[in-house]
Amino acid sequence: SGLCAERTALFSAGAQHPGKAVEMLAVVGRDAEGRLVEASPCGACR
């Protein structure tokens, strides 16, 4: 029932700024120790 960061950003953009194309999307992860780590969109987000 949760939602990925990419879809949260996209759906928020669609709700708040209808009719605007997305030029760029960035994604990053942070592990339990607080380090920035690799992240890539999942299949549903893609």
All heavy atoms as atom14 arrays in JSON, in Angstrom:
{
  "sequence": "SGLCAERTALFSAGAQHPGKAVEMLAVVGRDAEGRLVEASPCGACR",
  "atom14_mask": [
    [1, 1, 1, 1, 1, 1, 0, 0, 0, 0, 0, 0, 0, 0],
    [1, 1, 1, 1, 0, 0, 0, 0, 0, 0, 0, 0, 0, 0],
    [1, 1, 1, 1, 1, 1, 1, 1, 0, 0, 0, 0, 0, 0],
    [1, 1, 1, 1, 1, 1, 0, 0, 0, 0, 0, 0, 0, 0],
    [1, 1, 1, 1, 1, 0, 0, 0, 0, 0, 0, 0, 0, 0],
    [1, 1, 1, 1, 1, 1, 1, 1, 1, 0, 0, 0, 0, 0],
    [1, 1, 1, 1, 1, 1, 1, 1, 1, 1, 1, 0, 0, 0],
    [1, 1, 1, 1, 1, 1, 1, 0, 0, 0, 0, 0, 0, 0],
    [1, 1, 1, 1, 1, 0, 0, 0, 0, 0, 0, 0, 0, 0],
    [1, 1, 1, 1, 1, 1, 1, 1, 0, 0, 0, 0, 0, 0],
    [1, 1, 1, 1, 1, 1, 1, 1, 1, 1, 1, 0, 0, 0],
    [1, 1, 1, 1, 1, 1, 0, 0, 0, 0, 0, 0, 0, 0],
    [1, 1, 1, 1, 1, 0, 0, 0, 0, 0, 0, 0, 0, 0],
    [1, 1, 1, 1, 0, 0, 0, 0, 0, 0, 0, 0, 0, 0],
    [1, 1, 1, 1, 1, 0, 0, 0, 0, 0, 0, 0, 0, 0],
    [1, 1, 1, 1, 1, 1, 1, 1, 1, 0, 0, 0, 0, 0],
    [1, 1, 1, 1, 1, 1, 1, 1, 1, 1, 0, 0, 0, 0],
    [1, 1, 1, 1, 1, 1, 1, 0, 0, 0, 0, 0, 0, 0],
    [1, 1, 1, 1, 0, 0, 0, 0, 0, 0, 0, 0, 0, 0],
    [1, 1, 1, 1, 1, 1, 1, 1, 1, 0, 0, 0, 0, 0],
    [1, 1, 1, 1, 1, 0, 0, 0, 0, 0, 0, 0, 0, 0],
    [1, 1, 1, 1, 1, 1, 1, 0, 0, 0, 0, 0, 0, 0],
    [1, 1, 1, 1, 1, 1, 1, 1, 1, 0, 0, 0, 0, 0],
    [1, 1, 1, 1, 1, 1, 1, 1, 0, 0, 0, 0, 0, 0],
    [1, 1, 1, 1, 1, 1, 1, 1, 0, 0, 0, 0, 0, 0],
    [1, 1, 1, 1, 1, 0, 0, 0, 0, 0, 0, 0, 0, 0],
    [1, 1, 1, 1, 1, 1, 1, 0, 0, 0, 0, 0, 0, 0],
    [1, 1, 1, 1, 1, 1, 1, 0, 0, 0, 0, 0, 0, 0],
    [1, 1, 1, 1, 0, 0, 0, 0, 0, 0, 0, 0, 0, 0],
    [1, 1, 1, 1, 1, 1, 1, 1, 1, 1, 1, 0, 0, 0],
    [1, 1, 1, 1, 1, 1, 1, 1, 0, 0, 0, 0, 0, 0],
    [1, 1, 1, 1, 1, 0, 0, 0, 0, 0, 0, 0, 0, 0],
    [1, 1, 1, 1, 1, 1, 1, 1, 1, 0, 0, 0, 0, 0],
    [1, 1, 1, 1, 0, 0, 0, 0, 0, 0, 0, 0, 0, 0],
    [1, 1, 1, 1, 1, 1, 1, 1, 1, 1, 1, 0, 0, 0],
    [1, 1, 1, 1, 1, 1, 1, 1, 0, 0, 0, 0, 0, 0],
    [1, 1, 1, 1, 1, 1, 1, 0, 0, 0, 0, 0, 0, 0],
    [1, 1, 1, 1, 1, 1, 1, 1, 1, 0, 0, 0, 0, 0],
    [1, 1, 1, 1, 1, 0, 0, 0, 0, 0, 0, 0, 0, 0],
    [1, 1, 1, 1, 1, 1, 0, 0, 0, 0, 0, 0, 0, 0],
    [1, 1, 1, 1, 1, 1, 1, 0, 0, 0, 0, 0, 0, 0],
    [1, 1, 1, 1, 1, 1, 0, 0, 0, 0, 0, 0, 0, 0],
    [1, 1, 1, 1, 0, 0, 0, 0, 0, 0, 0, 0, 0, 0],
    [1, 1, 1, 1, 1, 0, 0, 0, 0, 0, 0, 0, 0, 0],
    [1, 1, 1, 1, 1, 1, 0, 0, 0, 0, 0, 0, 0, 0],
    [1, 1, 1, 1, 1, 1, 1, 1, 1, 1, 1, 0, 0, 0]
  ],
  "atom14_positions": [
    [[0.79, -1.23, 0.0], [0.0, 0.0, 0.0], [0.82, 1.28, 0.0], [0.28, 2.35, -0.2], [-0.94, 0.02, 1.21], [-1.85, -1.06, 1.12], [0.0, 0.0, 0.0], [0.0, 0.0, 0.0], [0.0, 0.0, 0.0], [0.0, 0.0, 0.0], [0.0, 0.0, 0.0], [0.0, 0.0, 0.0], [0.0, 0.0, 0.0], [0.0, 0.0, 0.0]],
    [[2.11, 1.18, 0.24], [2.97, 2.36, 0.2], [3.19, 2.83, -1.23], [2.6, 2.3, -2.18], [0.0, 0.0, 0.0], [0.0, 0.0, 0.0], [0.0, 0.0, 0.0], [0.0, 0.0, 0.0], [0.0, 0.0, 0.0], [0.0, 0.0, 0.0], [0.0, 0.0, 0.0], [0.0, 0.0, 0.0], [0.0, 0.0, 0.0], [0.0, 0.0, 0.0]],
    [[4.05, 3.81, -1.38], [4.31, 4.34, -2.71], [5.76, 4.78, -2.81], [6.33, 5.33, -1.88], [3.39, 5.53, -2.99], [3.23, 5.96, -4.44], [2.66, 4.83, -5.3], [2.32, 7.16, -4.53], [0.0, 0.0, 0.0], [0.0, 0.0, 0.0], [0.0, 0.0, 0.0], [0.0, 0.0, 0.0], [0.0, 0.0, 0.0], [0.0, 0.0, 0.0]],
    [[6.34, 4.53, -3.97], [7.73, 4.91, -4.25], [7.87, 6.42, -4.38], [6.92, 7.13, -4.72], [8.2, 4.27, -5.56], [8.18, 2.47, -5.54], [0.0, 0.0, 0.0], [0.0, 0.0, 0.0], [0.0, 0.0, 0.0], [0.0, 0.0, 0.0], [0.0, 0.0, 0.0], [0.0, 0.0, 0.0], [0.0, 0.0, 0.0], [0.0, 0.0, 0.0]],
    [[9.1, 6.89, -4.16], [9.39, 8.32, -4.23], [9.11, 8.9, -5.62], [8.58, 10.01, -5.74], [10.86, 8.56, -3.86], [0.0, 0.0, 0.0], [0.0, 0.0, 0.0], [0.0, 0.0, 0.0], [0.0, 0.0, 0.0], [0.0, 0.0, 0.0], [0.0, 0.0, 0.0], [0.0, 0.0, 0.0], [0.0, 0.0, 0.0], [0.0, 0.0, 0.0]],
    [[9.46, 8.14, -6.67], [9.29, 8.64, -8.03], [7.81, 8.88, -8.34], [7.44, 9.93, -8.89], [9.86, 7.65, -9.04], [11.34, 7.4, -8.88], [11.66, 6.22, -7.96], [11.04, 6.08, -6.87], [12.54, 5.42, -8.31], [0.0, 0.0, 0.0], [0.0, 0.0, 0.0], [0.0, 0.0, 0.0], [0.0, 0.0, 0.0], [0.0, 0.0, 0.0]],
    [[6.96, 7.93, -7.99], [5.53, 8.11, -8.25], [4.93, 9.17, -7.36], [4.03, 9.91, -7.78], [4.79, 6.77, -8.13], [5.05, 5.89, -9.33], [4.33, 4.58, -9.25], [5.09, 3.69, -8.35], [4.57, 2.65, -7.73], [3.3, 2.35, -7.86], [5.33, 1.89, -6.96], [0.0, 0.0, 0.0], [0.0, 0.0, 0.0], [0.0, 0.0, 0.0]],
    [[5.42, 9.29, -6.12], [4.94, 10.36, -5.24], [5.22, 11.72, -5.88], [4.35, 12.59, -5.92], [5.62, 10.26, -3.86], [5.34, 8.99, -3.29], [5.13, 11.34, -2.92], [0.0, 0.0, 0.0], [0.0, 0.0, 0.0], [0.0, 0.0, 0.0], [0.0, 0.0, 0.0], [0.0, 0.0, 0.0], [0.0, 0.0, 0.0], [0.0, 0.0, 0.0]],
    [[6.43, 11.89, -6.41], [6.79, 13.16, -7.05], [5.96, 13.4, -8.31], [5.43, 14.49, -8.53], [8.28, 13.19, -7.38], [0.0, 0.0, 0.0], [0.0, 0.0, 0.0], [0.0, 0.0, 0.0], [0.0, 0.0, 0.0], [0.0, 0.0, 0.0], [0.0, 0.0, 0.0], [0.0, 0.0, 0.0], [0.0, 0.0, 0.0], [0.0, 0.0, 0.0]],
    [[5.84, 12.37, -9.15], [5.09, 12.52, -10.4], [3.61, 12.81, -10.15], [3.03, 13.71, -10.76], [5.24, 11.26, -11.26], [6.58, 11.09, -11.94], [6.75, 9.68, -12.46], [6.76, 12.11, -13.05], [0.0, 0.0, 0.0], [0.0, 0.0, 0.0], [0.0, 0.0, 0.0], [0.0, 0.0, 0.0], [0.0, 0.0, 0.0], [0.0, 0.0, 0.0]],
    [[3.0, 12.05, -9.25], [1.57, 12.24, -9.0], [1.3, 13.58, -8.31], [0.29, 14.24, -8.58], [1.0, 11.08, -8.19], [1.04, 9.75, -8.91], [1.05, 8.57, -8.2], [1.08, 9.68, -10.3], [1.08, 7.34, -8.85], [1.12, 8.46, -10.96], [1.11, 7.28, -10.23], [0.0, 0.0, 0.0], [0.0, 0.0, 0.0], [0.0, 0.0, 0.0]],
    [[2.22, 14.0, -7.45], [2.09, 15.31, -6.82], [2.19, 16.41, -7.88], [1.41, 17.37, -7.88], [3.17, 15.49, -5.76], [3.05, 16.73, -5.13], [0.0, 0.0, 0.0], [0.0, 0.0, 0.0], [0.0, 0.0, 0.0], [0.0, 0.0, 0.0], [0.0, 0.0, 0.0], [0.0, 0.0, 0.0], [0.0, 0.0, 0.0], [0.0, 0.0, 0.0]],
    [[3.14, 16.26, -8.8], [3.28, 17.24, -9.89], [2.02, 17.29, -10.73], [1.55, 18.38, -11.1], [4.5, 16.89, -10.75], [0.0, 0.0, 0.0], [0.0, 0.0, 0.0], [0.0, 0.0, 0.0], [0.0, 0.0, 0.0], [0.0, 0.0, 0.0], [0.0, 0.0, 0.0], [0.0, 0.0, 0.0], [0.0, 0.0, 0.0], [0.0, 0.0, 0.0]],
    [[1.46, 16.13, -11.05], [0.24, 16.08, -11.85], [-0.94, 16.73, -11.16], [-1.76, 17.39, -11.8], [0.0, 0.0, 0.0], [0.0, 0.0, 0.0], [0.0, 0.0, 0.0], [0.0, 0.0, 0.0], [0.0, 0.0, 0.0], [0.0, 0.0, 0.0], [0.0, 0.0, 0.0], [0.0, 0.0, 0.0], [0.0, 0.0, 0.0], [0.0, 0.0, 0.0]],
    [[-1.03, 16.56, -9.83], [-2.13, 17.13, -9.07], [-1.98, 18.63, -8.87], [-2.95, 19.38, -8.93], [-2.25, 16.43, -7.71], [0.0, 0.0, 0.0], [0.0, 0.0, 0.0], [0.0, 0.0, 0.0], [0.0, 0.0, 0.0], [0.0, 0.0, 0.0], [0.0, 0.0, 0.0], [0.0, 0.0, 0.0], [0.0, 0.0, 0.0], [0.0, 0.0, 0.0]],
    [[-0.75, 19.08, -8.63], [-0.51, 20.48, -8.32], [-0.21, 21.35, -9.54], [-0.4, 22.57, -9.5], [0.67, 20.61, -7.34], [0.4, 19.98, -6.0], [1.61, 20.1, -5.09], [2.23, 21.15, -5.01], [1.95, 19.02, -4.42], [0.0, 0.0, 0.0], [0.0, 0.0, 0.0], [0.0, 0.0, 0.0], [0.0, 0.0, 0.0], [0.0, 0.0, 0.0]],
    [[0.27, 20.72, -10.61], [0.68, 21.47, -11.8], [0.18, 20.77, -13.06], [0.97, 20.33, -13.9], [2.22, 21.6, -11.85], [2.8, 22.19, -10.61], [2.88, 23.54, -10.39], [3.32, 21.6, -9.5], [3.42, 23.77, -9.2], [3.7, 22.6, -8.65], [0.0, 0.0, 0.0], [0.0, 0.0, 0.0], [0.0, 0.0, 0.0], [0.0, 0.0, 0.0]],
    [[-1.13, 20.64, -13.21], [-1.66, 19.91, -14.36], [-1.22, 20.53, -15.69], [-1.07, 21.74, -15.8], [-3.17, 19.99, -14.17], [-3.4, 21.15, -13.26], [-2.17, 21.27, -12.41], [0.0, 0.0, 0.0], [0.0, 0.0, 0.0], [0.0, 0.0, 0.0], [0.0, 0.0, 0.0], [0.0, 0.0, 0.0], [0.0, 0.0, 0.0], [0.0, 0.0, 0.0]],
    [[-0.98, 19.66, -16.65], [-0.63, 20.12, -17.98], [0.84, 20.42, -18.18], [1.24, 20.84, -19.26], [0.0, 0.0, 0.0], [0.0, 0.0, 0.0], [0.0, 0.0, 0.0], [0.0, 0.0, 0.0], [0.0, 0.0, 0.0], [0.0, 0.0, 0.0], [0.0, 0.0, 0.0], [0.0, 0.0, 0.0], [0.0, 0.0, 0.0], [0.0, 0.0, 0.0]],
    [[1.66, 20.2, -17.18], [3.1, 20.48, -17.28], [3.86, 19.18, -17.54], [3.73, 18.22, -16.79], [3.64, 21.11, -16.01], [2.94, 22.38, -15.59], [3.3, 23.52, -16.49], [2.65, 24.79, -15.97], [2.53, 25.81, -16.94], [0.0, 0.0, 0.0], [0.0, 0.0, 0.0], [0.0, 0.0, 0.0], [0.0, 0.0, 0.0], [0.0, 0.0, 0.0]],
    [[4.68, 19.18, -18.57], [5.51, 18.02, -18.88], [6.64, 17.92, -17.86], [7.08, 18.93, -17.31], [6.09, 18.14, -20.29], [0.0, 0.0, 0.0], [0.0, 0.0, 0.0], [0.0, 0.0, 0.0], [0.0, 0.0, 0.0], [0.0, 0.0, 0.0], [0.0, 0.0, 0.0], [0.0, 0.0, 0.0], [0.0, 0.0, 0.0], [0.0, 0.0, 0.0]],
    [[7.12, 16.72, -17.63], [8.29, 16.5, -16.79], [9.51, 16.47, -17.69], [9.6, 15.65, -18.6], [8.18, 15.18, -15.99], [9.49, 14.86, -15.3], [7.05, 15.26, -14.97], [0.0, 0.0, 0.0], [0.0, 0.0, 0.0], [0.0, 0.0, 0.0], [0.0, 0.0, 0.0], [0.0, 0.0, 0.0], [0.0, 0.0, 0.0], [0.0, 0.0, 0.0]],
    [[10.45, 17.36, -17.44], [11.7, 17.4, -18.2], [12.76, 16.49, -17.6], [13.6, 15.96, -18.31], [12.24, 18.83, -18.25], [11.38, 19.78, -19.01], [11.95, 21.19, -19.02], [12.78, 21.55, -18.16], [11.54, 21.95, -19.92], [0.0, 0.0, 0.0], [0.0, 0.0, 0.0], [0.0, 0.0, 0.0], [0.0, 0.0, 0.0], [0.0, 0.0, 0.0]],
    [[12.72, 16.34, -16.27], [13.79, 15.63, -15.59], [13.26, 15.02, -14.3], [12.39, 15.59, -13.64], [14.88, 16.66, -15.25], [16.15, 16.12, -14.71], [17.35, 17.48, -14.49], [17.42, 18.15, -16.15], [0.0, 0.0, 0.0], [0.0, 0.0, 0.0], [0.0, 0.0, 0.0], [0.0, 0.0, 0.0], [0.0, 0.0, 0.0], [0.0, 0.0, 0.0]],
    [[13.8, 13.84, -13.96], [13.47, 13.17, -12.71], [14.78, 12.68, -12.1], [15.6, 12.07, -12.78], [12.54, 11.98, -12.95], [12.12, 11.2, -11.7], [10.68, 10.73, -11.82], [13.03, 10.02, -11.43], [0.0, 0.0, 0.0], [0.0, 0.0, 0.0], [0.0, 0.0, 0.0], [0.0, 0.0, 0.0], [0.0, 0.0, 0.0], [0.0, 0.0, 0.0]],
    [[14.98, 12.96, -10.82], [16.16, 12.49, -10.09], [15.72, 11.58, -8.96], [14.67, 11.81, -8.34], [16.95, 13.67, -9.53], [0.0, 0.0, 0.0], [0.0, 0.0, 0.0], [0.0, 0.0, 0.0], [0.0, 0.0, 0.0], [0.0, 0.0, 0.0], [0.0, 0.0, 0.0], [0.0, 0.0, 0.0], [0.0, 0.0, 0.0], [0.0, 0.0, 0.0]],
    [[16.52, 10.56, -8.67], [16.21, 9.63, -7.58], [17.49, 9.26, -6.85], [18.56, 9.09, -7.46], [15.46, 8.38, -8.1], [16.3, 7.61, -9.11], [15.03, 7.47, -6.96], [0.0, 0.0, 0.0], [0.0, 0.0, 0.0], [0.0, 0.0, 0.0], [0.0, 0.0, 0.0], [0.0, 0.0, 0.0], [0.0, 0.0, 0.0], [0.0, 0.0, 0.0]],
    [[17.38, 9.18, -5.52], [18.53, 8.85, -4.66], [18.03, 8.08, -3.44], [16.9, 8.28, -3.0], [19.27, 10.15, -4.24], [18.38, 11.08, -3.47], [20.54, 9.83, -3.45], [0.0, 0.0, 0.0], [0.0, 0.0, 0.0], [0.0, 0.0, 0.0], [0.0, 0.0, 0.0], [0.0, 0.0, 0.0], [0.0, 0.0, 0.0], [0.0, 0.0, 0.0]],
    [[18.87, 7.2, -2.92], [18.53, 6.45, -1.71], [19.4, 6.87, -0.54], [20.48, 7.43, -0.72], [0.0, 0.0, 0.0], [0.0, 0.0, 0.0], [0.0, 0.0, 0.0], [0.0, 0.0, 0.0], [0.0, 0.0, 0.0], [0.0, 0.0, 0.0], [0.0, 0.0, 0.0], [0.0, 0.0, 0.0], [0.0, 0.0, 0.0], [0.0, 0.0, 0.0]],
    [[18.9, 6.59, 0.66], [19.67, 6.81, 1.89], [19.46, 5.57, 2.75], [18.32, 5.18, 3.02], [19.19, 8.07, 2.6], [20.09, 8.48, 3.77], [19.61, 9.77, 4.43], [19.68, 10.95, 3.58], [20.75, 11.7, 3.39], [21.89, 11.39, 3.97], [20.7, 12.77, 2.62], [0.0, 0.0, 0.0], [0.0, 0.0, 0.0], [0.0, 0.0, 0.0]],
    [[20.55, 4.94, 3.17], [20.43, 3.7, 3.94], [20.15, 3.98, 5.41], [20.07, 5.14, 5.84], [21.66, 2.8, 3.74], [22.95, 3.37, 4.31], [22.91, 4.32, 5.12], [24.02, 2.84, 3.94], [0.0, 0.0, 0.0], [0.0, 0.0, 0.0], [0.0, 0.0, 0.0], [0.0, 0.0, 0.0], [0.0, 0.0, 0.0], [0.0, 0.0, 0.0]],
    [[20.03, 2.92, 6.19], [19.69, 3.04, 7.61], [20.75, 3.81, 8.4], [20.45, 4.39, 9.44], [19.5, 1.65, 8.22], [0.0, 0.0, 0.0], [0.0, 0.0, 0.0], [0.0, 0.0, 0.0], [0.0, 0.0, 0.0], [0.0, 0.0, 0.0], [0.0, 0.0, 0.0], [0.0, 0.0, 0.0], [0.0, 0.0, 0.0], [0.0, 0.0, 0.0]],
    [[21.99, 3.83, 7.9], [23.05, 4.57, 8.57], [23.12, 6.03, 8.1], [23.98, 6.78, 8.52], [24.41, 3.89, 8.33], [24.59, 2.61, 9.12], [23.83, 1.44, 8.52], [23.84, 1.29, 7.28], [23.2, 0.69, 9.29], [0.0, 0.0, 0.0], [0.0, 0.0, 0.0], [0.0, 0.0, 0.0], [0.0, 0.0, 0.0], [0.0, 0.0, 0.0]],
    [[22.24, 6.42, 7.18], [22.19, 7.8, 6.71], [23.07, 8.11, 5.53], [23.17, 9.26, 5.11], [0.0, 0.0, 0.0], [0.0, 0.0, 0.0], [0.0, 0.0, 0.0], [0.0, 0.0, 0.0], [0.0, 0.0, 0.0], [0.0, 0.0, 0.0], [0.0, 0.0, 0.0], [0.0, 0.0, 0.0], [0.0, 0.0, 0.0], [0.0, 0.0, 0.0]],
    [[23.72, 7.08, 4.95], [24.59, 7.3, 3.78], [23.76, 7.36, 2.51], [22.81, 6.57, 2.34], [25.6, 6.16, 3.65], [26.6, 6.08, 4.77], [27.5, 4.88, 4.55], [26.68, 3.67, 4.55], [26.87, 2.63, 5.36], [27.86, 2.63, 6.21], [26.07, 1.58, 5.28], [0.0, 0.0, 0.0], [0.0, 0.0, 0.0], [0.0, 0.0, 0.0]],
    [[24.14, 8.24, 1.59], [23.51, 8.26, 0.27], [23.97, 7.04, -0.49], [25.17, 6.74, -0.53], [23.88, 9.54, -0.48], [23.36, 10.84, 0.12], [23.84, 12.02, -0.72], [21.86, 10.84, 0.25], [0.0, 0.0, 0.0], [0.0, 0.0, 0.0], [0.0, 0.0, 0.0], [0.0, 0.0, 0.0], [0.0, 0.0, 0.0], [0.0, 0.0, 0.0]],
    [[23.02, 6.33, -1.09], [23.32, 5.08, -1.79], [22.57, 5.02, -3.11], [21.66, 5.81, -3.37], [22.96, 3.84, -0.92], [23.85, 3.77, 0.31], [21.49, 3.86, -0.53], [0.0, 0.0, 0.0], [0.0, 0.0, 0.0], [0.0, 0.0, 0.0], [0.0, 0.0, 0.0], [0.0, 0.0, 0.0], [0.0, 0.0, 0.0], [0.0, 0.0, 0.0]],
    [[22.92, 4.05, -3.9], [22.33, 3.89, -5.23], [20.82, 3.63, -5.15], [20.34, 2.9, -4.29], [23.0, 2.72, -5.94], [22.51, 2.55, -7.36], [23.34, 1.56, -8.17], [24.4, 1.11, -7.68], [22.91, 1.26, -9.29], [0.0, 0.0, 0.0], [0.0, 0.0, 0.0], [0.0, 0.0, 0.0], [0.0, 0.0, 0.0], [0.0, 0.0, 0.0]],
    [[20.12, 4.24, -6.09], [18.69, 4.02, -6.24], [18.34, 4.15, -7.72], [18.93, 4.95, -8.44], [17.88, 5.02, -5.42], [0.0, 0.0, 0.0], [0.0, 0.0, 0.0], [0.0, 0.0, 0.0], [0.0, 0.0, 0.0], [0.0, 0.0, 0.0], [0.0, 0.0, 0.0], [0.0, 0.0, 0.0], [0.0, 0.0, 0.0], [0.0, 0.0, 0.0]],
    [[17.4, 3.34, -8.14], [16.93, 3.36, -9.52], [15.44, 3.05, -9.5], [14.99, 2.27, -8.66], [17.7, 2.3, -10.32], [17.32, 2.32, -11.67], [0.0, 0.0, 0.0], [0.0, 0.0, 0.0], [0.0, 0.0, 0.0], [0.0, 0.0, 0.0], [0.0, 0.0, 0.0], [0.0, 0.0, 0.0], [0.0, 0.0, 0.0], [0.0, 0.0, 0.0]],
    [[14.67, 3.63, -10.4], [13.23, 3.38, -10.39], [12.88, 1.9, -10.58], [13.51, 1.2, -11.37], [12.72, 4.2, -11.59], [13.76, 5.25, -11.79], [15.06, 4.59, -11.43], [0.0, 0.0, 0.0], [0.0, 0.0, 0.0], [0.0, 0.0, 0.0], [0.0, 0.0, 0.0], [0.0, 0.0, 0.0], [0.0, 0.0, 0.0], [0.0, 0.0, 0.0]],
    [[11.87, 1.45, -9.84], [11.38, 0.08, -9.98], [10.57, -0.03, -11.28], [10.32, 0.97, -11.97], [10.52, -0.3, -8.78], [8.9, 0.52, -8.72], [0.0, 0.0, 0.0], [0.0, 0.0, 0.0], [0.0, 0.0, 0.0], [0.0, 0.0, 0.0], [0.0, 0.0, 0.0], [0.0, 0.0, 0.0], [0.0, 0.0, 0.0], [0.0, 0.0, 0.0]],
    [[10.14, -1.21, -11.61], [9.39, -1.43, -12.84], [8.09, -0.64, -12.9], [7.75, -0.07, -13.95], [0.0, 0.0, 0.0], [0.0, 0.0, 0.0], [0.0, 0.0, 0.0], [0.0, 0.0, 0.0], [0.0, 0.0, 0.0], [0.0, 0.0, 0.0], [0.0, 0.0, 0.0], [0.0, 0.0, 0.0], [0.0, 0.0, 0.0], [0.0, 0.0, 0.0]],
    [[7.36, -0.59, -11.8], [6.1, 0.17, -11.78], [6.36, 1.65, -12.02], [5.65, 2.31, -12.79], [5.37, -0.04, -10.46], [0.0, 0.0, 0.0], [0.0, 0.0, 0.0], [0.0, 0.0, 0.0], [0.0, 0.0, 0.0], [0.0, 0.0, 0.0], [0.0, 0.0, 0.0], [0.0, 0.0, 0.0], [0.0, 0.0, 0.0], [0.0, 0.0, 0.0]],
    [[7.4, 2.18, -11.39], [7.75, 3.6, -11.59], [8.17, 3.85, -13.03], [7.8, 4.86, -13.62], [8.85, 4.02, -10.63], [8.29, 4.18, -8.92], [0.0, 0.0, 0.0], [0.0, 0.0, 0.0], [0.0, 0.0, 0.0], [0.0, 0.0, 0.0], [0.0, 0.0, 0.0], [0.0, 0.0, 0.0], [0.0, 0.0, 0.0], [0.0, 0.0, 0.0]],
    [[8.93, 2.92, -13.6], [9.37, 3.09, -14.98], [8.18, 3.12, -15.93], [8.16, 3.92, -16.87], [10.34, 1.96, -15.36], [11.66, 2.06, -14.62], [12.57, 0.88, -14.88], [13.72, 0.94, -13.98], [14.92, 0.49, -14.26], [15.15, -0.09, -15.42], [15.89, 0.6, -13.39], [0.0, 0.0, 0.0], [0.0, 0.0, 0.0], [0.0, 0.0, 0.0]]
  ]
}
